[in-house]
Amino acid sequence: MLGSVTISLWQLLVGAVCGVLAVLGARGSSRLVVGAVIGAAVAVLMDIARGYL
């Protein structure tokens, strides 16, 4: 038997936006840390915005 896989388009959108903004915003010597913080912040903001949609 094969299991089913469900892909949430919202999760794909959040991941894409977080990734793009993290790459664009990460400057300087600690790019990994800055990118992770930016990605996390965008994910939280998009989750809050989802509640208003």
PDB file of N, CA and C in Angstrom:
ATOM      1  N   MET A   1       0.836  -1.194   0.000  1.00  0.00           N
ATOM      2  CA  MET A   1       0.000   0.000   0.000  1.00  0.00           C
ATOM      3  C   MET A   1       0.872   1.246   0.000  1.00  0.00           C
ATOM      4  N   LEU A   2       0.436   2.201  -0.719  1.00  0.00           N
ATOM      5  CA  LEU A   2       1.142   3.470  -0.766  1.00  0.00           C
ATOM      6  C   LEU A   2       0.420   4.487   0.108  1.00  0.00           C
ATOM      7  N   GLY A   3       1.181   5.266   0.836  1.00  0.00           N
ATOM      8  CA  GLY A   3       0.604   6.326   1.647  1.00  0.00           C
ATOM      9  C   GLY A   3       0.362   7.567   0.803  1.00  0.00           C
ATOM     10  N   SER A   4      -0.435   8.432   1.307  1.00  0.00           N
ATOM     11  CA  SER A   4      -0.689   9.666   0.576  1.00  0.00           C
ATOM     12  C   SER A   4       0.186  10.784   1.134  1.00  0.00           C
ATOM     13  N   VAL A   5       0.556  11.680   0.262  1.00  0.00           N
ATOM     14  CA  VAL A   5       1.375  12.820   0.647  1.00  0.00           C
ATOM     15  C   VAL A   5       0.565  14.080   0.390  1.00  0.00           C
ATOM     16  N   THR A   6       0.435  14.895   1.406  1.00  0.00           N
ATOM     17  CA  THR A   6      -0.287  16.157   1.274  1.00  0.00           C
ATOM     18  C   THR A   6       0.715  17.297   1.343  1.00  0.00           C
ATOM     19  N   ILE A   7       0.665  18.153   0.351  1.00  0.00           N
ATOM     20  CA  ILE A   7       1.567  19.310   0.304  1.00  0.00           C
ATOM     21  C   ILE A   7       0.730  20.562   0.523  1.00  0.00           C
ATOM     22  N   SER A   8       1.092  21.314   1.533  1.00  0.00           N
ATOM     23  CA  SER A   8       0.398  22.561   1.814  1.00  0.00           C
ATOM     24  C   SER A   8       1.054  23.684   1.010  1.00  0.00           C
ATOM     25  N   LEU A   9       0.264  24.348   0.199  1.00  0.00           N
ATOM     26  CA  LEU A   9       0.804  25.452  -0.597  1.00  0.00           C
ATOM     27  C   LEU A   9       1.250  26.607   0.292  1.00  0.00           C
ATOM     28  N   TRP A  10       0.603  26.772   1.437  1.00  0.00           N
ATOM     29  CA  TRP A  10       1.007  27.850   2.349  1.00  0.00           C
ATOM     30  C   TRP A  10       2.419  27.599   2.867  1.00  0.00           C
ATOM     31  N   GLN A  11       2.744  26.356   3.204  1.00  0.00           N
ATOM     32  CA  GLN A  11       4.087  26.039   3.687  1.00  0.00           C
ATOM     33  C   GLN A  11       5.126  26.260   2.593  1.00  0.00           C
ATOM     34  N   LEU A  12       4.786  25.928   1.367  1.00  0.00           N
ATOM     35  CA  LEU A  12       5.708  26.181   0.261  1.00  0.00           C
ATOM     36  C   LEU A  12       5.936  27.675   0.077  1.00  0.00           C
ATOM     37  N   LEU A  13       4.874  28.453   0.178  1.00  0.00           N
ATOM     38  CA  LEU A  13       4.991  29.908   0.031  1.00  0.00           C
ATOM     39  C   LEU A  13       5.828  30.501   1.154  1.00  0.00           C
ATOM     40  N   VAL A  14       5.580  30.076   2.377  1.00  0.00           N
ATOM     41  CA  VAL A  14       6.355  30.574   3.524  1.00  0.00           C
ATOM     42  C   VAL A  14       7.831  30.224   3.345  1.00  0.00           C
ATOM     43  N   GLY A  15       8.116  28.995   2.963  1.00  0.00           N
ATOM     44  CA  GLY A  15       9.495  28.575   2.763  1.00  0.00           C
ATOM     45  C   GLY A  15      10.196  29.366   1.677  1.00  0.00           C
ATOM     46  N   ALA A  16       9.494  29.608   0.582  1.00  0.00           N
ATOM     47  CA  ALA A  16      10.090  30.352  -0.521  1.00  0.00           C
ATOM     48  C   ALA A  16      10.366  31.806  -0.128  1.00  0.00           C
ATOM     49  N   VAL A  17       9.397  32.446   0.493  1.00  0.00           N
ATOM     50  CA  VAL A  17       9.563  33.846   0.883  1.00  0.00           C
ATOM     51  C   VAL A  17      10.656  33.986   1.936  1.00  0.00           C
ATOM     52  N   CYS A  18      10.663  33.093   2.909  1.00  0.00           N
ATOM     53  CA  CYS A  18      11.696  33.143   3.950  1.00  0.00           C
ATOM     54  C   CYS A  18      13.084  32.941   3.363  1.00  0.00           C
ATOM     55  N   GLY A  19      13.199  32.003   2.458  1.00  0.00           N
ATOM     56  CA  GLY A  19      14.487  31.744   1.829  1.00  0.00           C
ATOM     57  C   GLY A  19      14.991  32.930   1.030  1.00  0.00           C
ATOM     58  N   VAL A  20      14.118  33.519   0.235  1.00  0.00           N
ATOM     59  CA  VAL A  20      14.515  34.663  -0.589  1.00  0.00           C
ATOM     60  C   VAL A  20      14.910  35.848   0.284  1.00  0.00           C
ATOM     61  N   LEU A  21      14.103  36.152   1.282  1.00  0.00           N
ATOM     62  CA  LEU A  21      14.415  37.302   2.136  1.00  0.00           C
ATOM     63  C   LEU A  21      15.653  37.058   2.981  1.00  0.00           C
ATOM     64  N   ALA A  22      15.860  35.822   3.398  1.00  0.00           N
ATOM     65  CA  ALA A  22      17.072  35.508   4.175  1.00  0.00           C
ATOM     66  C   ALA A  22      18.318  35.685   3.318  1.00  0.00           C
ATOM     67  N   VAL A  23      18.257  35.241   2.083  1.00  0.00           N
ATOM     68  CA  VAL A  23      19.408  35.390   1.186  1.00  0.00           C
ATOM     69  C   VAL A  23      19.664  36.865   0.881  1.00  0.00           C
ATOM     70  N   LEU A  24      18.600  37.608   0.628  1.00  0.00           N
ATOM     71  CA  LEU A  24      18.766  39.032   0.311  1.00  0.00           C
ATOM     72  C   LEU A  24      19.230  39.842   1.518  1.00  0.00           C
ATOM     73  N   GLY A  25      18.794  39.456   2.718  1.00  0.00           N
ATOM     74  CA  GLY A  25      19.117  40.237   3.901  1.00  0.00           C
ATOM     75  C   GLY A  25      20.401  39.851   4.592  1.00  0.00           C
ATOM     76  N   ALA A  26      20.935  38.690   4.281  1.00  0.00           N
ATOM     77  CA  ALA A  26      22.136  38.211   4.975  1.00  0.00           C
ATOM     78  C   ALA A  26      23.373  38.861   4.388  1.00  0.00           C
ATOM     79  N   ARG A  27      23.926  39.768   5.111  1.00  0.00           N
ATOM     80  CA  ARG A  27      25.147  40.462   4.691  1.00  0.00           C
ATOM     81  C   ARG A  27      26.147  40.407   5.836  1.00  0.00           C
ATOM     82  N   GLY A  28      27.389  40.536   5.527  1.00  0.00           N
ATOM     83  CA  GLY A  28      28.398  40.573   6.576  1.00  0.00           C
ATOM     84  C   GLY A  28      29.038  39.227   6.826  1.00  0.00           C
ATOM     85  N   SER A  29      29.713  39.128   7.961  1.00  0.00           N
ATOM     86  CA  SER A  29      30.513  37.937   8.241  1.00  0.00           C
ATOM     87  C   SER A  29      29.683  36.768   8.776  1.00  0.00           C
ATOM     88  N   SER A  30      28.601  37.033   9.468  1.00  0.00           N
ATOM     89  CA  SER A  30      27.798  35.951  10.050  1.00  0.00           C
ATOM     90  C   SER A  30      26.509  35.765   9.247  1.00  0.00           C
ATOM     91  N   ARG A  31      26.661  35.457   7.973  1.00  0.00           N
ATOM     92  CA  ARG A  31      25.504  35.359   7.080  1.00  0.00           C
ATOM     93  C   ARG A  31      24.554  34.239   7.475  1.00  0.00           C
ATOM     94  N   LEU A  32      25.075  33.126   7.982  1.00  0.00           N
ATOM     95  CA  LEU A  32      24.218  32.004   8.346  1.00  0.00           C
ATOM     96  C   LEU A  32      23.279  32.384   9.489  1.00  0.00           C
ATOM     97  N   VAL A  33      23.822  33.045  10.504  1.00  0.00           N
ATOM     98  CA  VAL A  33      23.015  33.443  11.663  1.00  0.00           C
ATOM     99  C   VAL A  33      21.999  34.504  11.258  1.00  0.00           C
ATOM    100  N   VAL A  34      22.432  35.493  10.512  1.00  0.00           N
ATOM    101  CA  VAL A  34      21.530  36.565  10.084  1.00  0.00           C
ATOM    102  C   VAL A  34      20.426  35.997   9.192  1.00  0.00           C
ATOM    103  N   GLY A  35      20.795  35.114   8.283  1.00  0.00           N
ATOM    104  CA  GLY A  35      19.796  34.494   7.410  1.00  0.00           C
ATOM    105  C   GLY A  35      18.779  33.678   8.189  1.00  0.00           C
ATOM    106  N   ALA A  36      19.233  32.949   9.203  1.00  0.00           N
ATOM    107  CA  ALA A  36      18.323  32.153  10.021  1.00  0.00           C
ATOM    108  C   ALA A  36      17.365  33.048  10.803  1.00  0.00           C
ATOM    109  N   VAL A  37      17.871  34.143  11.345  1.00  0.00           N
ATOM    110  CA  VAL A  37      17.019  35.065  12.108  1.00  0.00           C
ATOM    111  C   VAL A  37      15.995  35.727  11.190  1.00  0.00           C
ATOM    112  N   ILE A  38      16.423  36.162  10.022  1.00  0.00           N
ATOM    113  CA  ILE A  38      15.495  36.792   9.075  1.00  0.00           C
ATOM    114  C   ILE A  38      14.438  35.791   8.623  1.00  0.00           C
ATOM    115  N   GLY A  39      14.860  34.578   8.304  1.00  0.00           N
ATOM    116  CA  GLY A  39      13.914  33.548   7.886  1.00  0.00           C
ATOM    117  C   GLY A  39      12.880  33.239   8.952  1.00  0.00           C
ATOM    118  N   ALA A  40      13.331  33.132  10.199  1.00  0.00           N
ATOM    119  CA  ALA A  40      12.408  32.853  11.300  1.00  0.00           C
ATOM    120  C   ALA A  40      11.430  34.004  11.508  1.00  0.00           C
ATOM    121  N   ALA A  41      11.932  35.236  11.436  1.00  0.00           N
ATOM    122  CA  ALA A  41      11.066  36.403  11.622  1.00  0.00           C
ATOM    123  C   ALA A  41      10.009  36.478  10.524  1.00  0.00           C
ATOM    124  N   VAL A  42      10.403  36.220   9.289  1.00  0.00           N
ATOM    125  CA  VAL A  42       9.446  36.258   8.186  1.00  0.00           C
ATOM    126  C   VAL A  42       8.413  35.144   8.335  1.00  0.00           C
ATOM    127  N   ALA A  43       8.843  33.974   8.785  1.00  0.00           N
ATOM    128  CA  ALA A  43       7.902  32.869   8.987  1.00  0.00           C
ATOM    129  C   ALA A  43       6.853  33.230  10.034  1.00  0.00           C
ATOM    130  N   VAL A  44       7.287  33.854  11.119  1.00  0.00           N
ATOM    131  CA  VAL A  44       6.338  34.261  12.166  1.00  0.00           C
ATOM    132  C   VAL A  44       5.386  35.312  11.632  1.00  0.00           C
ATOM    133  N   LEU A  45       5.893  36.304  10.905  1.00  0.00           N
ATOM    134  CA  LEU A  45       5.036  37.357  10.364  1.00  0.00           C
ATOM    135  C   LEU A  45       4.039  36.810   9.352  1.00  0.00           C
ATOM    136  N   MET A  46       4.480  35.864   8.513  1.00  0.00           N
ATOM    137  CA  MET A  46       3.555  35.279   7.533  1.00  0.00           C
ATOM    138  C   MET A  46       2.511  34.416   8.212  1.00  0.00           C
ATOM    139  N   ASP A  47       2.866  33.772   9.327  1.00  0.00           N
ATOM    140  CA  ASP A  47       1.887  32.971  10.072  1.00  0.00           C
ATOM    141  C   ASP A  47       0.829  33.892  10.679  1.00  0.00           C
ATOM    142  N   ILE A  48       1.265  35.029  11.190  1.00  0.00           N
ATOM    143  CA  ILE A  48       0.304  36.009  11.733  1.00  0.00           C
ATOM    144  C   ILE A  48      -0.580  36.547  10.609  1.00  0.00           C
ATOM    145  N   ALA A  49       0.034  36.844   9.458  1.00  0.00           N
ATOM    146  CA  ALA A  49      -0.733  37.364   8.322  1.00  0.00           C
ATOM    147  C   ALA A  49      -1.741  36.341   7.818  1.00  0.00           C
ATOM    148  N   ARG A  50      -1.424  35.062   7.933  1.00  0.00           N
ATOM    149  CA  ARG A  50      -2.353  34.026   7.491  1.00  0.00           C
ATOM    150  C   ARG A  50      -3.652  34.072   8.297  1.00  0.00           C
ATOM    151  N   GLY A  51      -3.547  34.463   9.567  1.00  0.00           N
ATOM    152  CA  GLY A  51      -4.744  34.560  10.390  1.00  0.00           C
ATOM    153  C   GLY A  51      -5.703  35.640   9.927  1.00  0.00           C
ATOM    154  N   TYR A  52      -5.181  36.641   9.217  1.00  0.00           N
ATOM    155  CA  TYR A  52      -6.017  37.727   8.726  1.00  0.00           C
ATOM    156  C   TYR A  52      -6.581  37.449   7.339  1.00  0.00           C
ATOM    157  N   LEU A  53      -6.100  36.411   6.665  1.00  0.00           N
ATOM    158  CA  LEU A  53      -6.588  36.108   5.314  1.00  0.00           C
ATOM    159  C   LEU A  53      -7.800  35.231   5.326  1.00  0.00           C
TER     160      LEU A  53
END
